[in-house]
Amino acid sequence: MMIGICGGIGSGKSVASRILRLRGEAVYDCDLEAKRIMDGSEEVLSALNVRYGDAVCPKDGPICRPELAKRVFGSDEERLWLNSLVHRLVREDVASWRDEKLSEGHRRCFVESAILASSGLAQMCDEIWLVTASEEVRIERIKMRDSIDEEAIYKRMLSQKEEERLIATLGIPVNTIDNSGDVSILDQID
């Protein structure tokens, strides 16, 4: 069984994932693993250099993620282009990881992604946990955690807004976890 964990930036999906890891569950972090995949894929590195040049992806150095974010989060076209490049590789990695974890005896595997539906990962899940929090709470969390301004926060939130609507159309069972701070997240995960 595979369960998807999703929710917009600042909702607390990483908190839910950490709790699950502490309980011995297998959790795949798509943000972290996508970075690993991107950094190790000649296909991705070459495509980024051709499209954006050395400012984003120098031939002799790592991807400059702040420069890449400026181009991607401000443009649907650029975000879709990057997603089409990376999502297939991530889905393949998730499938391999899931099979390995299940063969090791895990009863269920969790995959955490802010864009579970649009990445094609939701279709690999038997169930989805949607972590939510009010916009105000999310903005404050992001300000405390990241060094980005409110305009950049809104751009990222806007780029993820379609996800909840897409998830509702998939026909996969969805459980909502409210992480605004009013109800214990531990009780909801249990």
C-alpha atoms as a PDB file:
ATOM      1  CA  MET A   1       0.000   0.000   0.000  1.00  0.00           C
ATOM      2  CA  MET A   2       1.244   3.506  -0.813  1.00  0.00           C
ATOM      3  CA  ILE A   3      -0.125   6.661   0.801  1.00  0.00           C
ATOM      4  CA  GLY A   4       0.513  10.114  -0.639  1.00  0.00           C
ATOM      5  CA  ILE A   5       1.118  13.033   1.712  1.00  0.00           C
ATOM      6  CA  CYS A   6       0.432  16.403   0.140  1.00  0.00           C
ATOM      7  CA  GLY A   7      -0.431  19.984   0.968  1.00  0.00           C
ATOM      8  CA  GLY A   8       0.718  23.418  -0.052  1.00  0.00           C
ATOM      9  CA  ILE A   9       3.929  25.097   1.033  1.00  0.00           C
ATOM     10  CA  GLY A  10       3.903  25.735   4.793  1.00  0.00           C
ATOM     11  CA  SER A  11       0.996  23.383   5.493  1.00  0.00           C
ATOM     12  CA  GLY A  12       3.097  20.980   7.535  1.00  0.00           C
ATOM     13  CA  LYS A  13       3.348  17.925   5.318  1.00  0.00           C
ATOM     14  CA  SER A  14       7.016  17.598   6.318  1.00  0.00           C
ATOM     15  CA  VAL A  15       5.983  17.557   9.983  1.00  0.00           C
ATOM     16  CA  ALA A  16       3.596  14.689   9.269  1.00  0.00           C
ATOM     17  CA  SER A  17       6.357  12.881   7.384  1.00  0.00           C
ATOM     18  CA  ARG A  18       8.859  13.330  10.241  1.00  0.00           C
ATOM     19  CA  ILE A  19       6.356  11.883  12.699  1.00  0.00           C
ATOM     20  CA  LEU A  20       5.861   8.871  10.441  1.00  0.00           C
ATOM     21  CA  ARG A  21       9.637   8.365  10.050  1.00  0.00           C
ATOM     22  CA  LEU A  22      10.063   8.500  13.833  1.00  0.00           C
ATOM     23  CA  ARG A  23       7.477   5.725  14.034  1.00  0.00           C
ATOM     24  CA  GLY A  24       9.522   3.578  11.648  1.00  0.00           C
ATOM     25  CA  GLU A  25       7.450   4.167   8.508  1.00  0.00           C
ATOM     26  CA  ALA A  26       9.066   4.388   5.071  1.00  0.00           C
ATOM     27  CA  VAL A  27       8.650   7.935   3.712  1.00  0.00           C
ATOM     28  CA  TYR A  28       9.918   9.227   0.362  1.00  0.00           C
ATOM     29  CA  ASP A  29      10.540  12.999   0.341  1.00  0.00           C
ATOM     30  CA  CYS A  30       9.979  14.141  -3.249  1.00  0.00           C
ATOM     31  CA  ASP A  31      11.588  17.573  -2.770  1.00  0.00           C
ATOM     32  CA  LEU A  32      14.791  16.087  -1.413  1.00  0.00           C
ATOM     33  CA  GLU A  33      14.915  13.178  -3.840  1.00  0.00           C
ATOM     34  CA  ALA A  34      14.069  15.338  -6.887  1.00  0.00           C
ATOM     35  CA  LYS A  35      17.076  17.529  -6.046  1.00  0.00           C
ATOM     36  CA  ARG A  36      19.267  14.433  -5.821  1.00  0.00           C
ATOM     37  CA  ILE A  37      17.921  13.145  -9.119  1.00  0.00           C
ATOM     38  CA  MET A  38      18.336  16.524 -10.834  1.00  0.00           C
ATOM     39  CA  ASP A  39      21.919  16.920  -9.583  1.00  0.00           C
ATOM     40  CA  GLY A  40      22.835  13.437 -10.803  1.00  0.00           C
ATOM     41  CA  SER A  41      21.071  13.391 -14.151  1.00  0.00           C
ATOM     42  CA  GLU A  42      23.113  14.415 -17.192  1.00  0.00           C
ATOM     43  CA  GLU A  43      19.818  14.703 -19.095  1.00  0.00           C
ATOM     44  CA  VAL A  44      18.474  17.277 -16.611  1.00  0.00           C
ATOM     45  CA  LEU A  45      21.736  19.200 -16.206  1.00  0.00           C
ATOM     46  CA  SER A  46      22.232  19.488 -19.944  1.00  0.00           C
ATOM     47  CA  ALA A  47      18.634  20.598 -20.561  1.00  0.00           C
ATOM     48  CA  LEU A  48      18.859  23.240 -17.805  1.00  0.00           C
ATOM     49  CA  ASN A  49      22.115  24.599 -19.226  1.00  0.00           C
ATOM     50  CA  VAL A  50      20.707  24.785 -22.751  1.00  0.00           C
ATOM     51  CA  ARG A  51      17.492  26.488 -21.615  1.00  0.00           C
ATOM     52  CA  TYR A  52      18.844  28.884 -18.964  1.00  0.00           C
ATOM     53  CA  GLY A  53      22.604  29.004 -19.411  1.00  0.00           C
ATOM     54  CA  ASP A  54      25.332  29.200 -16.810  1.00  0.00           C
ATOM     55  CA  ALA A  55      23.359  31.476 -14.457  1.00  0.00           C
ATOM     56  CA  VAL A  56      21.140  28.515 -13.530  1.00  0.00           C
ATOM     57  CA  CYS A  57      23.293  25.533 -14.412  1.00  0.00           C
ATOM     58  CA  PRO A  58      27.006  26.108 -15.027  1.00  0.00           C
ATOM     59  CA  LYS A  59      28.761  23.286 -16.819  1.00  0.00           C
ATOM     60  CA  ASP A  60      31.316  22.955 -14.008  1.00  0.00           C
ATOM     61  CA  GLY A  61      29.110  23.550 -10.991  1.00  0.00           C
ATOM     62  CA  PRO A  62      25.835  22.735  -9.243  1.00  0.00           C
ATOM     63  CA  ILE A  63      22.394  24.014 -10.138  1.00  0.00           C
ATOM     64  CA  CYS A  64      21.802  27.509  -8.751  1.00  0.00           C
ATOM     65  CA  ARG A  65      18.412  26.815  -7.193  1.00  0.00           C
ATOM     66  CA  PRO A  66      17.523  30.451  -6.314  1.00  0.00           C
ATOM     67  CA  GLU A  67      18.037  31.438  -9.971  1.00  0.00           C
ATOM     68  CA  LEU A  68      16.047  28.445 -11.157  1.00  0.00           C
ATOM     69  CA  ALA A  69      13.219  29.290  -8.722  1.00  0.00           C
ATOM     70  CA  LYS A  70      13.021  32.868 -10.062  1.00  0.00           C
ATOM     71  CA  ARG A  71      12.414  31.556 -13.556  1.00  0.00           C
ATOM     72  CA  VAL A  72      10.128  28.662 -12.654  1.00  0.00           C
ATOM     73  CA  PHE A  73       7.796  30.080  -9.986  1.00  0.00           C
ATOM     74  CA  GLY A  74       7.060  33.214 -12.019  1.00  0.00           C
ATOM     75  CA  SER A  75       6.015  31.414 -15.191  1.00  0.00           C
ATOM     76  CA  ASP A  76       3.559  28.589 -15.770  1.00  0.00           C
ATOM     77  CA  GLU A  77       5.345  27.748 -19.027  1.00  0.00           C
ATOM     78  CA  GLU A  78       8.733  27.378 -17.343  1.00  0.00           C
ATOM     79  CA  ARG A  79       7.308  25.434 -14.400  1.00  0.00           C
ATOM     80  CA  LEU A  80       5.543  23.022 -16.750  1.00  0.00           C
ATOM     81  CA  TRP A  81       8.710  22.591 -18.811  1.00  0.00           C
ATOM     82  CA  LEU A  82      10.783  21.751 -15.726  1.00  0.00           C
ATOM     83  CA  ASN A  83       8.094  19.432 -14.372  1.00  0.00           C
ATOM     84  CA  SER A  84       7.938  17.523 -17.664  1.00  0.00           C
ATOM     85  CA  LEU A  85      11.689  17.033 -17.440  1.00  0.00           C
ATOM     86  CA  VAL A  86      11.850  15.869 -13.812  1.00  0.00           C
ATOM     87  CA  HIS A  87       8.548  14.149 -12.929  1.00  0.00           C
ATOM     88  CA  ARG A  88       9.095  11.027 -15.031  1.00  0.00           C
ATOM     89  CA  LEU A  89      12.460  10.448 -13.356  1.00  0.00           C
ATOM     90  CA  VAL A  90      10.956  10.938  -9.892  1.00  0.00           C
ATOM     91  CA  ARG A  91       8.044   8.543 -10.611  1.00  0.00           C
ATOM     92  CA  GLU A  92      10.511   5.882 -11.734  1.00  0.00           C
ATOM     93  CA  ASP A  93      12.585   6.406  -8.585  1.00  0.00           C
ATOM     94  CA  VAL A  94       9.488   6.260  -6.340  1.00  0.00           C
ATOM     95  CA  ALA A  95       8.327   2.995  -7.954  1.00  0.00           C
ATOM     96  CA  SER A  96      11.740   1.404  -7.429  1.00  0.00           C
ATOM     97  CA  TRP A  97      11.955   2.696  -3.833  1.00  0.00           C
ATOM     98  CA  ARG A  98       8.404   1.479  -3.035  1.00  0.00           C
ATOM     99  CA  ASP A  99       9.110  -2.009  -4.381  1.00  0.00           C
ATOM    100  CA  GLU A 100      12.306  -2.172  -2.322  1.00  0.00           C
ATOM    101  CA  LYS A 101      10.552  -1.045   0.890  1.00  0.00           C
ATOM    102  CA  LEU A 102       7.681  -3.492   0.418  1.00  0.00           C
ATOM    103  CA  SER A 103      10.132  -6.340  -0.195  1.00  0.00           C
ATOM    104  CA  GLU A 104      11.891  -5.354   3.059  1.00  0.00           C
ATOM    105  CA  GLY A 105       8.626  -5.978   4.920  1.00  0.00           C
ATOM    106  CA  HIS A 106       7.051  -2.535   5.178  1.00  0.00           C
ATOM    107  CA  ARG A 107       3.253  -2.842   5.062  1.00  0.00           C
ATOM    108  CA  ARG A 108       2.854   0.616   3.623  1.00  0.00           C
ATOM    109  CA  CYS A 109       4.968   3.347   2.099  1.00  0.00           C
ATOM    110  CA  PHE A 110       4.396   7.095   2.167  1.00  0.00           C
ATOM    111  CA  VAL A 111       5.352   9.556  -0.550  1.00  0.00           C
ATOM    112  CA  GLU A 112       5.448  13.272   0.357  1.00  0.00           C
ATOM    113  CA  SER A 113       4.940  15.812  -2.424  1.00  0.00           C
ATOM    114  CA  ALA A 114       3.483  19.310  -2.721  1.00  0.00           C
ATOM    115  CA  ILE A 115       2.391  18.444  -6.262  1.00  0.00           C
ATOM    116  CA  LEU A 116       1.219  14.865  -5.836  1.00  0.00           C
ATOM    117  CA  ALA A 117      -1.537  15.081  -8.470  1.00  0.00           C
ATOM    118  CA  SER A 118       0.142  17.089 -11.217  1.00  0.00           C
ATOM    119  CA  SER A 119       3.357  15.060 -10.930  1.00  0.00           C
ATOM    120  CA  GLY A 120       1.474  11.830 -11.677  1.00  0.00           C
ATOM    121  CA  LEU A 121       2.387  10.362  -8.280  1.00  0.00           C
ATOM    122  CA  ALA A 122      -1.170  10.405  -6.909  1.00  0.00           C
ATOM    123  CA  GLN A 123      -2.156   7.735  -9.427  1.00  0.00           C
ATOM    124  CA  MET A 124       0.415   5.458  -7.786  1.00  0.00           C
ATOM    125  CA  CYS A 125      -1.265   5.897  -4.363  1.00  0.00           C
ATOM    126  CA  ASP A 126      -3.989   3.878  -2.681  1.00  0.00           C
ATOM    127  CA  GLU A 127      -4.883   6.754  -0.348  1.00  0.00           C
ATOM    128  CA  ILE A 128      -3.971  10.432   0.078  1.00  0.00           C
ATOM    129  CA  TRP A 129      -3.399  12.453   3.239  1.00  0.00           C
ATOM    130  CA  LEU A 130      -3.980  16.153   2.559  1.00  0.00           C
ATOM    131  CA  VAL A 131      -2.268  18.349   5.173  1.00  0.00           C
ATOM    132  CA  THR A 132      -3.906  21.767   5.485  1.00  0.00           C
ATOM    133  CA  ALA A 133      -3.464  24.993   7.437  1.00  0.00           C
ATOM    134  CA  SER A 134      -4.875  28.487   7.062  1.00  0.00           C
ATOM    135  CA  GLU A 135      -3.129  30.825   4.627  1.00  0.00           C
ATOM    136  CA  GLU A 136      -2.076  33.110   7.488  1.00  0.00           C
ATOM    137  CA  VAL A 137      -0.470  30.251   9.413  1.00  0.00           C
ATOM    138  CA  ARG A 138       1.289  29.009   6.275  1.00  0.00           C
ATOM    139  CA  ILE A 139       2.707  32.448   5.443  1.00  0.00           C
ATOM    140  CA  GLU A 140       4.056  32.918   8.967  1.00  0.00           C
ATOM    141  CA  ARG A 141       5.668  29.467   8.913  1.00  0.00           C
ATOM    142  CA  ILE A 142       7.313  30.129   5.552  1.00  0.00           C
ATOM    143  CA  LYS A 143       8.616  33.539   6.683  1.00  0.00           C
ATOM    144  CA  MET A 144      10.177  31.957   9.778  1.00  0.00           C
ATOM    145  CA  ARG A 145      11.642  28.998   7.862  1.00  0.00           C
ATOM    146  CA  ASP A 146      12.779  30.503   4.560  1.00  0.00           C
ATOM    147  CA  SER A 147      14.428  33.738   3.615  1.00  0.00           C
ATOM    148  CA  ILE A 148      11.938  34.713   0.909  1.00  0.00           C
ATOM    149  CA  ASP A 149       9.594  37.676   0.723  1.00  0.00           C
ATOM    150  CA  GLU A 150       5.783  37.585   0.735  1.00  0.00           C
ATOM    151  CA  GLU A 151       5.561  38.086  -3.033  1.00  0.00           C
ATOM    152  CA  ALA A 152       7.676  34.968  -3.592  1.00  0.00           C
ATOM    153  CA  ILE A 153       5.576  33.087  -1.025  1.00  0.00           C
ATOM    154  CA  TYR A 154       2.347  33.998  -2.830  1.00  0.00           C
ATOM    155  CA  LYS A 155       3.833  32.934  -6.186  1.00  0.00           C
ATOM    156  CA  ARG A 156       4.681  29.524  -4.763  1.00  0.00           C
ATOM    157  CA  MET A 157       1.302  29.173  -3.083  1.00  0.00           C
ATOM    158  CA  LEU A 158      -0.473  30.153  -6.305  1.00  0.00           C
ATOM    159  CA  SER A 159       1.549  27.661  -8.346  1.00  0.00           C
ATOM    160  CA  GLN A 160       0.326  24.867  -6.011  1.00  0.00           C
ATOM    161  CA  LYS A 161      -3.324  25.982  -5.687  1.00  0.00           C
ATOM    162  CA  GLU A 162      -4.647  23.704  -8.423  1.00  0.00           C
ATOM    163  CA  GLU A 163      -3.426  20.596  -6.584  1.00  0.00           C
ATOM    164  CA  GLU A 164      -6.345  20.276  -4.151  1.00  0.00           C
ATOM    165  CA  ARG A 165      -8.834  20.580  -6.999  1.00  0.00           C
ATOM    166  CA  LEU A 166      -6.992  17.922  -9.017  1.00  0.00           C
ATOM    167  CA  ILE A 167      -6.792  15.559  -6.051  1.00  0.00           C
ATOM    168  CA  ALA A 168     -10.559  15.791  -5.529  1.00  0.00           C
ATOM    169  CA  THR A 169     -11.136  14.567  -9.110  1.00  0.00           C
ATOM    170  CA  LEU A 170      -8.958  11.442  -8.943  1.00  0.00           C
ATOM    171  CA  GLY A 171     -11.322   9.116  -7.102  1.00  0.00           C
ATOM    172  CA  ILE A 172      -8.647   8.193  -4.551  1.00  0.00           C
ATOM    173  CA  PRO A 173      -9.691   8.257  -0.858  1.00  0.00           C
ATOM    174  CA  VAL A 174      -8.508  11.493   0.815  1.00  0.00           C
ATOM    175  CA  ASN A 175      -8.017  12.056   4.540  1.00  0.00           C
ATOM    176  CA  THR A 176      -7.516  15.665   5.640  1.00  0.00           C
ATOM    177  CA  ILE A 177      -5.082  16.524   8.426  1.00  0.00           C
ATOM    178  CA  ASP A 178      -5.623  20.012   9.863  1.00  0.00           C
ATOM    179  CA  ASN A 179      -2.259  21.387  10.911  1.00  0.00           C
ATOM    180  CA  SER A 180      -3.347  24.908  11.877  1.00  0.00           C
ATOM    181  CA  GLY A 181      -2.513  24.167  15.498  1.00  0.00           C
ATOM    182  CA  ASP A 182      -6.071  23.801  16.800  1.00  0.00           C
ATOM    183  CA  VAL A 183      -6.139  19.983  16.806  1.00  0.00           C
ATOM    184  CA  SER A 184      -3.304  17.571  17.646  1.00  0.00           C
ATOM    185  CA  ILE A 185      -1.568  16.425  14.475  1.00  0.00           C
ATOM    186  CA  LEU A 186      -0.439  13.281  16.355  1.00  0.00           C
ATOM    187  CA  ASP A 187      -4.039  12.288  17.046  1.00  0.00           C
ATOM    188  CA  GLN A 188      -4.976  12.852  13.400  1.00  0.00           C
ATOM    189  CA  ILE A 189      -2.068  10.738  12.131  1.00  0.00           C
ATOM    190  CA  ASP A 190      -3.049   7.960  14.542  1.00  0.00           C
END
